N, C-alpha and C. Protein backbone atom coordinates (compact mmCIF):
# COMPACT_ATOMS: atom_id res chain seq x y z
N UNK A 1 107.84 183.96 263.83
CA UNK A 1 107.95 183.53 262.52
C UNK A 1 109.12 183.34 261.98
N UNK A 2 109.89 182.29 261.42
CA UNK A 2 110.96 181.99 261.54
C UNK A 2 111.81 183.89 260.47
N UNK A 3 112.94 182.96 260.93
CA UNK A 3 114.02 184.47 260.54
C UNK A 3 114.95 184.01 258.63
N UNK A 4 114.67 183.84 257.93
CA UNK A 4 115.82 183.65 256.27
C UNK A 4 117.65 183.81 257.13
N UNK A 5 117.70 181.90 256.82
CA UNK A 5 118.55 182.38 257.00
C UNK A 5 120.19 182.67 256.07
N UNK A 6 121.16 183.15 256.66
CA UNK A 6 122.18 183.77 255.60
C UNK A 6 122.68 183.34 255.42
N UNK A 7 122.74 182.50 253.45
CA UNK A 7 124.26 182.00 253.40
C UNK A 7 124.87 181.93 252.36
N UNK A 8 125.82 181.80 252.51
CA UNK A 8 126.75 182.34 251.85
C UNK A 8 127.57 181.50 250.83
N UNK A 9 128.14 181.89 249.84
CA UNK A 9 129.15 180.61 249.14
C UNK A 9 130.28 180.06 249.96
N UNK A 10 130.59 178.92 249.70
CA UNK A 10 131.40 178.35 250.82
C UNK A 10 131.02 178.23 252.05
N UNK A 11 130.32 178.70 252.62
CA UNK A 11 129.40 177.75 253.87
C UNK A 11 129.17 176.83 253.79
N UNK A 12 129.17 175.58 254.78
CA UNK A 12 128.74 174.15 254.90
C UNK A 12 127.95 174.23 255.54
N UNK A 13 126.85 173.27 255.36
CA UNK A 13 125.05 172.99 254.86
C UNK A 13 125.55 172.02 256.13
N UNK A 14 124.41 171.71 257.15
CA UNK A 14 124.29 170.46 257.57
C UNK A 14 122.31 170.28 257.30
N UNK A 15 121.99 169.28 256.04
CA UNK A 15 120.72 169.64 256.30
C UNK A 15 120.62 168.56 256.72
N UNK A 16 119.05 168.10 257.44
CA UNK A 16 118.23 166.95 257.70
C UNK A 16 118.05 165.82 257.41
N UNK A 17 118.07 165.63 256.32
CA UNK A 17 117.80 164.42 255.30
C UNK A 17 118.92 164.01 255.06
N UNK A 18 120.08 162.96 254.54
CA UNK A 18 120.90 162.56 254.13
C UNK A 18 121.13 162.59 253.20
N UNK A 19 122.37 161.93 252.29
CA UNK A 19 122.42 162.44 250.20
C UNK A 19 122.31 160.25 250.27
N UNK A 20 122.17 160.68 249.14
CA UNK A 20 121.40 158.62 248.96
C UNK A 20 123.66 158.05 249.86
N UNK A 21 124.15 158.95 248.94
CA UNK A 21 125.88 158.25 250.17
C UNK A 21 126.15 158.06 251.73
N UNK A 22 124.94 158.96 252.35
CA UNK A 22 125.12 158.65 253.80
C UNK A 22 125.92 160.39 254.37
N UNK A 23 125.93 161.25 253.27
CA UNK A 23 126.49 162.47 253.93
C UNK A 23 125.38 163.67 254.40
N UNK A 24 125.96 164.06 255.33
CA UNK A 24 124.70 164.89 255.66
C UNK A 24 125.32 167.06 254.94
N UNK A 25 126.18 166.34 254.47
CA UNK A 25 127.42 167.84 255.22
C UNK A 25 127.29 168.32 253.19
N UNK A 26 126.99 169.90 253.08
CA UNK A 26 127.01 169.87 251.70
C UNK A 26 127.62 171.47 251.41
N UNK A 27 128.90 172.12 250.81
CA UNK A 27 129.07 172.55 249.70
C UNK A 27 128.33 173.67 249.49
N UNK A 28 128.33 175.36 249.73
CA UNK A 28 126.99 175.66 248.99
C UNK A 28 128.49 176.85 248.11
N UNK A 29 127.85 176.35 246.17
CA UNK A 29 128.13 176.61 244.92
C UNK A 29 128.40 178.17 244.71
N UNK A 30 127.10 178.49 244.45
CA UNK A 30 126.48 179.03 243.71
C UNK A 30 125.02 179.46 244.65
N UNK A 31 124.82 181.13 244.57
CA UNK A 31 123.29 181.80 245.40
C UNK A 31 122.85 181.33 244.33
N UNK A 32 121.13 181.84 244.94
CA UNK A 32 119.86 182.80 243.62
C UNK A 32 119.35 182.70 243.91
N UNK A 33 118.22 182.27 243.14
CA UNK A 33 116.57 181.81 243.08
C UNK A 33 116.82 180.40 243.79
N UNK A 34 117.97 180.12 242.83
CA UNK A 34 118.17 178.29 242.99
C UNK A 34 119.70 178.47 243.89
N UNK A 35 120.25 177.47 244.66
CA UNK A 35 121.51 177.23 245.84
C UNK A 35 121.89 176.29 244.55
N UNK A 36 123.37 176.52 244.23
CA UNK A 36 123.39 174.83 244.24
C UNK A 36 124.74 174.21 245.03
N UNK A 37 124.26 173.38 245.76
CA UNK A 37 125.01 172.38 246.47
C UNK A 37 125.93 171.02 246.37
N UNK A 38 127.35 171.18 247.04
CA UNK A 38 127.82 169.75 246.01
C UNK A 38 127.52 169.26 247.56
N UNK A 39 127.33 167.72 247.36
CA UNK A 39 128.04 167.03 248.59
C UNK A 39 129.83 166.66 248.48
N UNK A 40 129.47 166.95 250.00
CA UNK A 40 130.65 166.81 250.63
C UNK A 40 131.83 164.98 250.24
N UNK A 41 130.99 164.20 250.71
CA UNK A 41 131.12 162.89 250.51
C UNK A 41 131.04 162.39 249.00
N UNK A 42 130.17 162.70 248.27
CA UNK A 42 130.68 161.95 247.13
C UNK A 42 130.85 162.71 245.78
N UNK A 43 130.63 164.05 246.68
CA UNK A 43 130.48 165.12 244.83
C UNK A 43 130.52 165.73 243.97
N UNK A 44 128.72 164.99 244.25
CA UNK A 44 128.08 165.67 243.78
C UNK A 44 127.16 167.65 243.68
N UNK A 45 126.72 167.22 242.71
CA UNK A 45 125.87 168.26 243.02
C UNK A 45 124.75 168.33 242.75
N UNK A 46 123.90 169.14 243.51
CA UNK A 46 122.13 169.75 243.72
C UNK A 46 122.63 171.12 242.45
N UNK A 47 120.83 171.38 242.34
CA UNK A 47 120.38 172.09 242.48
C UNK A 47 119.32 172.26 242.23
N UNK A 48 118.86 172.77 243.47
CA UNK A 48 117.79 173.04 244.70
C UNK A 48 116.97 174.32 244.70
N UNK A 49 116.18 174.48 244.46
CA UNK A 49 115.23 176.31 244.86
C UNK A 49 115.50 176.37 246.18
N UNK A 50 115.53 177.71 246.63
CA UNK A 50 116.28 178.60 247.65
C UNK A 50 115.50 177.78 249.11
N UNK A 51 113.69 178.13 248.36
CA UNK A 51 113.20 178.24 249.76
C UNK A 51 112.98 176.18 250.59
N UNK A 52 113.58 175.45 249.36
CA UNK A 52 112.85 173.89 250.30
C UNK A 52 114.94 174.33 250.32
N UNK A 53 115.66 174.92 249.85
CA UNK A 53 116.69 174.11 251.17
C UNK A 53 117.02 174.62 252.45
N UNK A 54 115.96 175.90 252.71
CA UNK A 54 116.58 176.51 253.60
C UNK A 54 115.98 175.61 254.29
N UNK A 55 114.31 175.61 254.16
CA UNK A 55 113.85 174.22 255.11
C UNK A 55 114.31 173.21 255.80
N UNK A 56 115.15 172.89 254.88
CA UNK A 56 115.97 171.71 255.08
C UNK A 56 116.96 171.75 255.83
N UNK A 57 117.45 173.09 255.87
CA UNK A 57 119.11 173.54 256.65
C UNK A 57 118.44 172.39 258.19
N UNK A 58 119.45 172.25 258.80
CA UNK A 58 119.70 171.92 260.43
C UNK A 58 121.25 172.87 260.87
N UNK A 59 122.02 172.76 259.82
CA UNK A 59 123.07 173.63 261.01
C UNK A 59 123.95 174.48 259.43
N UNK A 60 124.31 176.19 259.56
CA UNK A 60 125.37 176.65 258.61
C UNK A 60 126.99 176.88 259.60
N UNK A 61 127.44 176.03 258.93
CA UNK A 61 128.89 176.07 259.25
C UNK A 61 129.39 176.88 258.09
N UNK A 62 129.48 178.31 259.26
CA UNK A 62 130.53 179.17 258.16
C UNK A 62 131.81 178.96 257.16
N UNK A 63 131.89 179.17 255.81
CA UNK A 63 133.22 178.70 255.15
C UNK A 63 133.83 179.61 256.09
N UNK A 64 135.69 179.50 255.11
CA UNK A 64 136.29 179.81 255.54
C UNK A 64 137.15 181.85 254.59
N UNK A 65 136.10 182.19 253.90
CA UNK A 65 136.03 183.17 253.03
C UNK A 65 135.05 184.55 254.19
N UNK A 66 134.27 183.44 255.19
CA UNK A 66 133.33 184.69 256.25
C UNK A 66 134.38 185.11 257.13
N UNK A 67 134.10 186.32 257.71
CA UNK A 67 134.22 186.13 258.69
C UNK A 67 133.96 188.51 258.91
């Protein structure tokens, strides 16, 4: 059984698939039933289902506000 990743606002997520602009890093803007992320490369925002995002995560890089 896999563990549930702990995602916080301000974290940077490295996803398995890249955005069409070529970037794999996304910043978390909002958390709820859906997660709103922003592409680091082109600054586009995406709102995706939480379960879908959790399956796509390769690595979580903690934000500055998390200590």
